[in-house]
């Protein structure tokens, strides 16, 4: 399979990267697109609240929760990502945080399914956080499809060894392998892109998005992750092209964020 690796980091309007990820997910996870009883995003993704509780403080959320509807409006501000969610995610468990107060900000999210592909959970007490969690976890799944895991990886993209450890832009309690460092950087790069794309969405429900603190935080994370990876990562030929595309996208987002200042 011939791959334009430089086009795989940034979601493409023509869906090219999604098609490639689908092919690698099929090889890595024996994955095939199936979404029985799908009830979200035009019937492309199945919302679930059954048989899954990642924390005692997270409770199943009803499918008609108003923040799920608001979250869809937010996601649709980035059409390429919305289309990618429809194609690559099959199941999203929705949950509410029993300790969340009115106007609570943030998200609890994660991947689900062990060796499965395309299954995540994301909390809905904040409509923006709900979608940030979705694109964050999809970023992880895309790297997993390419054989890049936190503690190990195949020889497709990264040439570093798993016992080489570096500072992560997210987790600060210990040094992490390059796979985990790349996951941290890339997952929040997707969140930064989402918030920049959705910034013009101004309604009463999204009024708190006038506060750019989350964008500023993710810019700091992006700069730190970019610097660590640029200094320490060793790439295969395909990986060097992938990182070149990721760098171009990163600079585009940073330039957009700086213009807000």
C-alpha atoms as a PDB file:
ATOM      1  CA  UNK A   1       0.000   0.000   0.000  1.00  0.00           C
ATOM      2  CA  UNK A   2       1.366   3.387  -1.015  1.00  0.00           C
ATOM      3  CA  UNK A   3       0.720   6.012   1.663  1.00  0.00           C
ATOM      4  CA  UNK A   4       1.149   9.775   1.618  1.00  0.00           C
ATOM      5  CA  UNK A   5       2.398   9.843   5.191  1.00  0.00           C
ATOM      6  CA  UNK A   6       2.584  13.636   5.412  1.00  0.00           C
ATOM      7  CA  UNK A   7      -1.221  13.745   5.021  1.00  0.00           C
ATOM      8  CA  UNK A   8      -1.980  11.415   7.926  1.00  0.00           C
ATOM      9  CA  UNK A   9      -1.532  13.734  10.906  1.00  0.00           C
ATOM     10  CA  UNK A  10      -4.090  16.412  10.036  1.00  0.00           C
ATOM     11  CA  UNK A  11      -7.673  15.320   9.275  1.00  0.00           C
ATOM     12  CA  UNK A  12      -8.155  15.853   5.559  1.00  0.00           C
ATOM     13  CA  UNK A  13     -11.218  17.406   3.980  1.00  0.00           C
ATOM     14  CA  UNK A  14     -11.262  14.657   1.350  1.00  0.00           C
ATOM     15  CA  UNK A  15     -11.072  11.904   3.975  1.00  0.00           C
ATOM     16  CA  UNK A  16      -7.754  10.526   2.694  1.00  0.00           C
ATOM     17  CA  UNK A  17      -6.240   9.995   6.151  1.00  0.00           C
ATOM     18  CA  UNK A  18      -9.439   8.365   7.405  1.00  0.00           C
ATOM     19  CA  UNK A  19      -9.336   5.795   4.602  1.00  0.00           C
ATOM     20  CA  UNK A  20      -5.711   4.940   5.411  1.00  0.00           C
ATOM     21  CA  UNK A  21      -6.441   4.637   9.137  1.00  0.00           C
ATOM     22  CA  UNK A  22      -9.349   2.332   8.320  1.00  0.00           C
ATOM     23  CA  UNK A  23      -7.009   0.064   6.361  1.00  0.00           C
ATOM     24  CA  UNK A  24      -4.456  -0.054   9.179  1.00  0.00           C
ATOM     25  CA  UNK A  25      -7.168  -0.585  11.794  1.00  0.00           C
ATOM     26  CA  UNK A  26      -8.374  -3.553   9.768  1.00  0.00           C
ATOM     27  CA  UNK A  27      -4.865  -5.011   9.815  1.00  0.00           C
ATOM     28  CA  UNK A  28      -3.984  -4.143  13.422  1.00  0.00           C
ATOM     29  CA  UNK A  29      -7.353  -4.870  15.057  1.00  0.00           C
ATOM     30  CA  UNK A  30      -9.223  -6.918  12.425  1.00  0.00           C
ATOM     31  CA  UNK A  31     -11.630  -3.987  12.513  1.00  0.00           C
ATOM     32  CA  UNK A  32     -14.559  -3.513  10.171  1.00  0.00           C
ATOM     33  CA  UNK A  33     -17.018  -0.652  10.167  1.00  0.00           C
ATOM     34  CA  UNK A  34     -20.087  -1.821  12.095  1.00  0.00           C
ATOM     35  CA  UNK A  35     -22.441   0.452  14.020  1.00  0.00           C
ATOM     36  CA  UNK A  36     -25.622  -1.477  14.830  1.00  0.00           C
ATOM     37  CA  UNK A  37     -28.469   0.632  16.191  1.00  0.00           C
ATOM     38  CA  UNK A  38     -26.400   3.767  15.698  1.00  0.00           C
ATOM     39  CA  UNK A  39     -28.264   6.752  17.072  1.00  0.00           C
ATOM     40  CA  UNK A  40     -25.915   9.763  16.857  1.00  0.00           C
ATOM     41  CA  UNK A  41     -24.307  11.858  14.119  1.00  0.00           C
ATOM     42  CA  UNK A  42     -26.834  10.963  11.441  1.00  0.00           C
ATOM     43  CA  UNK A  43     -26.919   7.331  12.480  1.00  0.00           C
ATOM     44  CA  UNK A  44     -23.162   6.806  12.158  1.00  0.00           C
ATOM     45  CA  UNK A  45     -22.165   6.312  15.814  1.00  0.00           C
ATOM     46  CA  UNK A  46     -23.870   4.350  18.570  1.00  0.00           C
ATOM     47  CA  UNK A  47     -24.310   6.064  21.928  1.00  0.00           C
ATOM     48  CA  UNK A  48     -24.265   3.660  24.843  1.00  0.00           C
ATOM     49  CA  UNK A  49     -24.806   3.801  28.609  1.00  0.00           C
ATOM     50  CA  UNK A  50     -24.971   0.080  29.362  1.00  0.00           C
ATOM     51  CA  UNK A  51     -22.672  -2.225  31.334  1.00  0.00           C
ATOM     52  CA  UNK A  52     -19.859   0.263  31.739  1.00  0.00           C
ATOM     53  CA  UNK A  53     -18.916   2.498  34.660  1.00  0.00           C
ATOM     54  CA  UNK A  54     -15.268   3.621  34.589  1.00  0.00           C
ATOM     55  CA  UNK A  55     -15.607   5.326  38.004  1.00  0.00           C
ATOM     56  CA  UNK A  56     -18.155   5.244  40.855  1.00  0.00           C
ATOM     57  CA  UNK A  57     -18.578   8.995  40.377  1.00  0.00           C
ATOM     58  CA  UNK A  58     -19.528   8.591  36.698  1.00  0.00           C
ATOM     59  CA  UNK A  59     -23.135   7.613  36.094  1.00  0.00           C
ATOM     60  CA  UNK A  60     -24.854   6.565  32.849  1.00  0.00           C
ATOM     61  CA  UNK A  61     -26.202   9.607  30.996  1.00  0.00           C
ATOM     62  CA  UNK A  62     -29.488   9.585  29.063  1.00  0.00           C
ATOM     63  CA  UNK A  63     -29.209   9.811  25.291  1.00  0.00           C
ATOM     64  CA  UNK A  64     -31.399  12.925  25.263  1.00  0.00           C
ATOM     65  CA  UNK A  65     -29.041  14.795  27.593  1.00  0.00           C
ATOM     66  CA  UNK A  66     -29.005  18.403  26.286  1.00  0.00           C
ATOM     67  CA  UNK A  67     -25.205  18.559  26.276  1.00  0.00           C
ATOM     68  CA  UNK A  68     -25.035  15.714  23.755  1.00  0.00           C
ATOM     69  CA  UNK A  69     -27.076  17.853  21.366  1.00  0.00           C
ATOM     70  CA  UNK A  70     -24.933  20.908  22.081  1.00  0.00           C
ATOM     71  CA  UNK A  71     -21.783  18.835  21.699  1.00  0.00           C
ATOM     72  CA  UNK A  72     -22.851  17.777  18.228  1.00  0.00           C
ATOM     73  CA  UNK A  73     -23.207  21.448  17.251  1.00  0.00           C
ATOM     74  CA  UNK A  74     -19.685  22.058  18.520  1.00  0.00           C
ATOM     75  CA  UNK A  75     -18.210  19.063  16.663  1.00  0.00           C
ATOM     76  CA  UNK A  76     -19.836  20.056  13.376  1.00  0.00           C
ATOM     77  CA  UNK A  77     -17.810  23.290  13.397  1.00  0.00           C
ATOM     78  CA  UNK A  78     -14.909  21.085  12.236  1.00  0.00           C
ATOM     79  CA  UNK A  79     -16.378  19.126   9.303  1.00  0.00           C
ATOM     80  CA  UNK A  80     -13.291  16.998   8.600  1.00  0.00           C
ATOM     81  CA  UNK A  81     -13.164  15.779  12.199  1.00  0.00           C
ATOM     82  CA  UNK A  82     -16.921  15.272  12.365  1.00  0.00           C
ATOM     83  CA  UNK A  83     -16.701  13.038   9.290  1.00  0.00           C
ATOM     84  CA  UNK A  84     -13.777  11.168  10.839  1.00  0.00           C
ATOM     85  CA  UNK A  85     -15.708  10.535  14.056  1.00  0.00           C
ATOM     86  CA  UNK A  86     -18.557   9.150  11.948  1.00  0.00           C
ATOM     87  CA  UNK A  87     -16.183   6.817  10.116  1.00  0.00           C
ATOM     88  CA  UNK A  88     -13.770   5.651  12.820  1.00  0.00           C
ATOM     89  CA  UNK A  89     -15.748   5.570  16.064  1.00  0.00           C
ATOM     90  CA  UNK A  90     -18.418   2.933  16.514  1.00  0.00           C
ATOM     91  CA  UNK A  91     -19.490   3.246  20.174  1.00  0.00           C
ATOM     92  CA  UNK A  92     -19.401   6.136  22.646  1.00  0.00           C
ATOM     93  CA  UNK A  93     -20.425   5.431  26.244  1.00  0.00           C
ATOM     94  CA  UNK A  94     -21.899   8.641  27.659  1.00  0.00           C
ATOM     95  CA  UNK A  95     -21.703   9.372  31.363  1.00  0.00           C
ATOM     96  CA  UNK A  96     -22.414  12.187  33.784  1.00  0.00           C
ATOM     97  CA  UNK A  97     -20.337  13.214  36.787  1.00  0.00           C
ATOM     98  CA  UNK A  98     -22.401  13.120  39.935  1.00  0.00           C
ATOM     99  CA  UNK A  99     -20.189  15.781  41.557  1.00  0.00           C
ATOM    100  CA  UNK A 100     -20.473  18.279  38.692  1.00  0.00           C
ATOM    101  CA  UNK A 101     -22.002  21.597  39.652  1.00  0.00           C
ATOM    102  CA  UNK A 102     -23.866  23.995  37.347  1.00  0.00           C
ATOM    103  CA  UNK A 103     -21.632  25.161  34.524  1.00  0.00           C
ATOM    104  CA  UNK A 104     -18.947  22.618  35.392  1.00  0.00           C
ATOM    105  CA  UNK A 105     -16.049  22.555  32.931  1.00  0.00           C
ATOM    106  CA  UNK A 106     -13.969  19.590  31.872  1.00  0.00           C
ATOM    107  CA  UNK A 107     -14.213  15.959  30.840  1.00  0.00           C
ATOM    108  CA  UNK A 108     -13.581  12.386  31.874  1.00  0.00           C
ATOM    109  CA  UNK A 109     -12.781  10.214  28.871  1.00  0.00           C
ATOM    110  CA  UNK A 110     -10.941   7.102  27.788  1.00  0.00           C
ATOM    111  CA  UNK A 111     -10.799   4.281  25.288  1.00  0.00           C
ATOM    112  CA  UNK A 112     -12.867   1.131  25.809  1.00  0.00           C
ATOM    113  CA  UNK A 113     -12.519  -2.399  24.612  1.00  0.00           C
ATOM    114  CA  UNK A 114      -8.976  -3.666  25.056  1.00  0.00           C
ATOM    115  CA  UNK A 115      -8.181  -5.102  21.642  1.00  0.00           C
ATOM    116  CA  UNK A 116     -11.213  -3.474  20.042  1.00  0.00           C
ATOM    117  CA  UNK A 117     -11.076  -0.353  17.936  1.00  0.00           C
ATOM    118  CA  UNK A 118     -13.274   2.740  17.825  1.00  0.00           C
ATOM    119  CA  UNK A 119     -14.909   2.489  21.254  1.00  0.00           C
ATOM    120  CA  UNK A 120     -14.558   5.282  23.829  1.00  0.00           C
ATOM    121  CA  UNK A 121     -16.330   6.914  26.768  1.00  0.00           C
ATOM    122  CA  UNK A 122     -16.763  10.635  27.356  1.00  0.00           C
ATOM    123  CA  UNK A 123     -18.604  12.589  30.045  1.00  0.00           C
ATOM    124  CA  UNK A 124     -21.403  14.998  29.155  1.00  0.00           C
ATOM    125  CA  UNK A 125     -21.610  17.380  32.126  1.00  0.00           C
ATOM    126  CA  UNK A 126     -19.809  19.940  29.922  1.00  0.00           C
ATOM    127  CA  UNK A 127     -20.872  20.006  26.238  1.00  0.00           C
ATOM    128  CA  UNK A 128     -17.485  21.256  25.080  1.00  0.00           C
ATOM    129  CA  UNK A 129     -15.610  18.812  27.280  1.00  0.00           C
ATOM    130  CA  UNK A 130     -17.767  16.008  25.882  1.00  0.00           C
ATOM    131  CA  UNK A 131     -16.513  16.661  22.354  1.00  0.00           C
ATOM    132  CA  UNK A 132     -12.959  17.457  23.436  1.00  0.00           C
ATOM    133  CA  UNK A 133     -12.917  14.002  25.010  1.00  0.00           C
ATOM    134  CA  UNK A 134     -14.139  12.424  21.790  1.00  0.00           C
ATOM    135  CA  UNK A 135     -11.476  13.978  19.542  1.00  0.00           C
ATOM    136  CA  UNK A 136      -8.796  13.376  22.188  1.00  0.00           C
ATOM    137  CA  UNK A 137      -9.556   9.654  22.321  1.00  0.00           C
ATOM    138  CA  UNK A 138      -9.902   9.410  18.557  1.00  0.00           C
ATOM    139  CA  UNK A 139      -6.374  10.833  18.326  1.00  0.00           C
ATOM    140  CA  UNK A 140      -5.202   7.930  20.485  1.00  0.00           C
ATOM    141  CA  UNK A 141      -7.066   5.388  18.348  1.00  0.00           C
ATOM    142  CA  UNK A 142      -5.515   6.736  15.145  1.00  0.00           C
ATOM    143  CA  UNK A 143      -2.001   6.242  16.530  1.00  0.00           C
ATOM    144  CA  UNK A 144      -2.929   2.803  17.872  1.00  0.00           C
ATOM    145  CA  UNK A 145      -4.093   1.820  14.378  1.00  0.00           C
ATOM    146  CA  UNK A 146      -0.616   2.716  13.095  1.00  0.00           C
ATOM    147  CA  UNK A 147       0.914   0.374  15.679  1.00  0.00           C
ATOM    148  CA  UNK A 148       2.015   3.153  18.042  1.00  0.00           C
ATOM    149  CA  UNK A 149       1.111   2.300  21.631  1.00  0.00           C
ATOM    150  CA  UNK A 150       2.188   3.985  24.873  1.00  0.00           C
ATOM    151  CA  UNK A 151       4.857   1.530  25.946  1.00  0.00           C
ATOM    152  CA  UNK A 152       5.629  -0.270  22.686  1.00  0.00           C
ATOM    153  CA  UNK A 153       5.256   0.100  18.934  1.00  0.00           C
ATOM    154  CA  UNK A 154       6.129  -1.629  15.703  1.00  0.00           C
ATOM    155  CA  UNK A 155       8.765  -0.371  13.273  1.00  0.00           C
ATOM    156  CA  UNK A 156       6.415   1.565  10.986  1.00  0.00           C
ATOM    157  CA  UNK A 157       6.787   5.104  12.396  1.00  0.00           C
ATOM    158  CA  UNK A 158       9.037   5.395  15.468  1.00  0.00           C
ATOM    159  CA  UNK A 159      12.672   4.240  15.567  1.00  0.00           C
ATOM    160  CA  UNK A 160      13.292   4.967  19.272  1.00  0.00           C
ATOM    161  CA  UNK A 161      13.514   2.041  21.674  1.00  0.00           C
ATOM    162  CA  UNK A 162      10.849   1.624  24.385  1.00  0.00           C
ATOM    163  CA  UNK A 163      13.442   1.902  27.173  1.00  0.00           C
ATOM    164  CA  UNK A 164      14.368   5.440  26.085  1.00  0.00           C
ATOM    165  CA  UNK A 165      12.404   7.773  28.376  1.00  0.00           C
ATOM    166  CA  UNK A 166      11.477  11.443  28.052  1.00  0.00           C
ATOM    167  CA  UNK A 167       9.356  14.168  29.635  1.00  0.00           C
ATOM    168  CA  UNK A 168       5.703  14.026  28.573  1.00  0.00           C
ATOM    169  CA  UNK A 169       3.712  17.186  27.965  1.00  0.00           C
ATOM    170  CA  UNK A 170       0.837  15.699  30.012  1.00  0.00           C
ATOM    171  CA  UNK A 171       1.924  13.140  32.558  1.00  0.00           C
ATOM    172  CA  UNK A 172       4.521  14.514  34.967  1.00  0.00           C
ATOM    173  CA  UNK A 173       4.846  11.766  37.578  1.00  0.00           C
ATOM    174  CA  UNK A 174       7.429   9.833  35.573  1.00  0.00           C
ATOM    175  CA  UNK A 175       9.379   9.833  32.310  1.00  0.00           C
ATOM    176  CA  UNK A 176       7.613   8.180  29.378  1.00  0.00           C
ATOM    177  CA  UNK A 177       8.635   6.234  26.238  1.00  0.00           C
ATOM    178  CA  UNK A 178       8.447   8.076  22.927  1.00  0.00           C
ATOM    179  CA  UNK A 179       5.179   6.349  22.029  1.00  0.00           C
ATOM    180  CA  UNK A 180       3.495   7.848  25.093  1.00  0.00           C
ATOM    181  CA  UNK A 181       5.077  11.253  24.436  1.00  0.00           C
ATOM    182  CA  UNK A 182       3.739  11.250  20.876  1.00  0.00           C
ATOM    183  CA  UNK A 183       0.297  10.128  22.073  1.00  0.00           C
ATOM    184  CA  UNK A 184       0.154  12.986  24.584  1.00  0.00           C
ATOM    185  CA  UNK A 185       1.185  15.569  21.999  1.00  0.00           C
ATOM    186  CA  UNK A 186      -1.040  14.311  19.199  1.00  0.00           C
ATOM    187  CA  UNK A 187      -4.206  13.761  21.246  1.00  0.00           C
ATOM    188  CA  UNK A 188      -4.165  17.331  22.565  1.00  0.00           C
ATOM    189  CA  UNK A 189      -3.220  18.701  19.152  1.00  0.00           C
ATOM    190  CA  UNK A 190      -6.618  17.417  18.026  1.00  0.00           C
ATOM    191  CA  UNK A 191      -8.285  19.154  21.000  1.00  0.00           C
ATOM    192  CA  UNK A 192      -6.542  22.446  20.190  1.00  0.00           C
ATOM    193  CA  UNK A 193      -7.681  22.186  16.566  1.00  0.00           C
ATOM    194  CA  UNK A 194     -11.259  21.509  17.674  1.00  0.00           C
ATOM    195  CA  UNK A 195     -11.442  24.497  20.006  1.00  0.00           C
ATOM    196  CA  UNK A 196      -9.936  26.813  17.405  1.00  0.00           C
ATOM    197  CA  UNK A 197     -12.377  25.578  14.754  1.00  0.00           C
ATOM    198  CA  UNK A 198     -15.370  25.976  17.066  1.00  0.00           C
ATOM    199  CA  UNK A 199     -14.372  29.310  18.570  1.00  0.00           C
ATOM    200  CA  UNK A 200     -16.776  31.348  16.390  1.00  0.00           C
ATOM    201  CA  UNK A 201     -19.679  29.350  17.853  1.00  0.00           C
ATOM    202  CA  UNK A 202     -21.179  31.859  20.293  1.00  0.00           C
ATOM    203  CA  UNK A 203     -24.519  31.049  21.913  1.00  0.00           C
ATOM    204  CA  UNK A 204     -25.778  31.320  25.460  1.00  0.00           C
ATOM    205  CA  UNK A 205     -24.943  27.650  25.977  1.00  0.00           C
ATOM    206  CA  UNK A 206     -21.326  28.170  24.870  1.00  0.00           C
ATOM    207  CA  UNK A 207     -20.865  31.542  26.531  1.00  0.00           C
ATOM    208  CA  UNK A 208     -17.982  30.277  28.662  1.00  0.00           C
ATOM    209  CA  UNK A 209     -15.995  29.673  25.486  1.00  0.00           C
ATOM    210  CA  UNK A 210     -15.248  33.371  25.459  1.00  0.00           C
ATOM    211  CA  UNK A 211     -12.589  32.358  28.000  1.00  0.00           C
ATOM    212  CA  UNK A 212      -9.535  31.312  25.997  1.00  0.00           C
ATOM    213  CA  UNK A 213      -7.771  29.696  28.956  1.00  0.00           C
ATOM    214  CA  UNK A 214      -8.200  26.161  27.604  1.00  0.00           C
ATOM    215  CA  UNK A 215      -6.716  27.164  24.253  1.00  0.00           C
ATOM    216  CA  UNK A 216      -3.797  28.814  26.049  1.00  0.00           C
ATOM    217  CA  UNK A 217      -3.239  25.665  28.111  1.00  0.00           C
ATOM    218  CA  UNK A 218      -3.235  23.448  25.035  1.00  0.00           C
ATOM    219  CA  UNK A 219      -0.860  25.827  23.240  1.00  0.00           C
ATOM    220  CA  UNK A 220       1.572  25.372  26.147  1.00  0.00           C
ATOM    221  CA  UNK A 221       1.150  21.594  25.960  1.00  0.00           C
ATOM    222  CA  UNK A 222       1.652  21.682  22.209  1.00  0.00           C
ATOM    223  CA  UNK A 223       4.839  23.732  22.419  1.00  0.00           C
ATOM    224  CA  UNK A 224       6.302  21.447  25.084  1.00  0.00           C
ATOM    225  CA  UNK A 225       5.412  18.242  23.260  1.00  0.00           C
ATOM    226  CA  UNK A 226       6.644  19.606  19.939  1.00  0.00           C
ATOM    227  CA  UNK A 227      10.010  20.563  21.436  1.00  0.00           C
ATOM    228  CA  UNK A 228      10.527  17.223  23.199  1.00  0.00           C
ATOM    229  CA  UNK A 229       9.646  15.190  20.127  1.00  0.00           C
ATOM    230  CA  UNK A 230      11.660  17.357  17.753  1.00  0.00           C
ATOM    231  CA  UNK A 231      14.740  17.005  19.964  1.00  0.00           C
ATOM    232  CA  UNK A 232      14.498  13.318  20.830  1.00  0.00           C
ATOM    233  CA  UNK A 233      12.402  11.337  18.345  1.00  0.00           C
ATOM    234  CA  UNK A 234      14.000   9.112  15.765  1.00  0.00           C
ATOM    235  CA  UNK A 235      11.832   8.242  12.799  1.00  0.00           C
ATOM    236  CA  UNK A 236      11.585   5.695  10.051  1.00  0.00           C
ATOM    237  CA  UNK A 237      11.243   7.124   6.547  1.00  0.00           C
ATOM    238  CA  UNK A 238       7.445   6.981   6.863  1.00  0.00           C
ATOM    239  CA  UNK A 239       7.645   8.456  10.349  1.00  0.00           C
ATOM    240  CA  UNK A 240       9.733  11.413   9.205  1.00  0.00           C
ATOM    241  CA  UNK A 241       7.084  12.239   6.624  1.00  0.00           C
ATOM    242  CA  UNK A 242       4.292  11.815   9.176  1.00  0.00           C
ATOM    243  CA  UNK A 243       6.071  14.158  11.596  1.00  0.00           C
ATOM    244  CA  UNK A 244       6.682  16.707   8.833  1.00  0.00           C
ATOM    245  CA  UNK A 245       2.936  16.813   8.226  1.00  0.00           C
ATOM    246  CA  UNK A 246       2.265  17.005  11.978  1.00  0.00           C
ATOM    247  CA  UNK A 247       4.730  19.883  12.268  1.00  0.00           C
ATOM    248  CA  UNK A 248       3.043  21.796   9.456  1.00  0.00           C
ATOM    249  CA  UNK A 249      -0.346  21.334  11.119  1.00  0.00           C
ATOM    250  CA  UNK A 250       1.086  22.312  14.509  1.00  0.00           C
ATOM    251  CA  UNK A 251       2.541  25.536  13.139  1.00  0.00           C
ATOM    252  CA  UNK A 252      -0.751  26.338  11.431  1.00  0.00           C
ATOM    253  CA  UNK A 253      -2.657  25.912  14.718  1.00  0.00           C
ATOM    254  CA  UNK A 254      -0.099  27.865  16.743  1.00  0.00           C
ATOM    255  CA  UNK A 255      -0.269  30.713  14.262  1.00  0.00           C
ATOM    256  CA  UNK A 256      -4.052  30.712  14.516  1.00  0.00           C
ATOM    257  CA  UNK A 257      -3.863  30.694  18.324  1.00  0.00           C
ATOM    258  CA  UNK A 258      -1.336  33.545  18.383  1.00  0.00           C
ATOM    259  CA  UNK A 259      -3.662  35.673  16.273  1.00  0.00           C
ATOM    260  CA  UNK A 260      -6.200  35.496  19.100  1.00  0.00           C
ATOM    261  CA  UNK A 261      -3.782  37.156  21.489  1.00  0.00           C
END
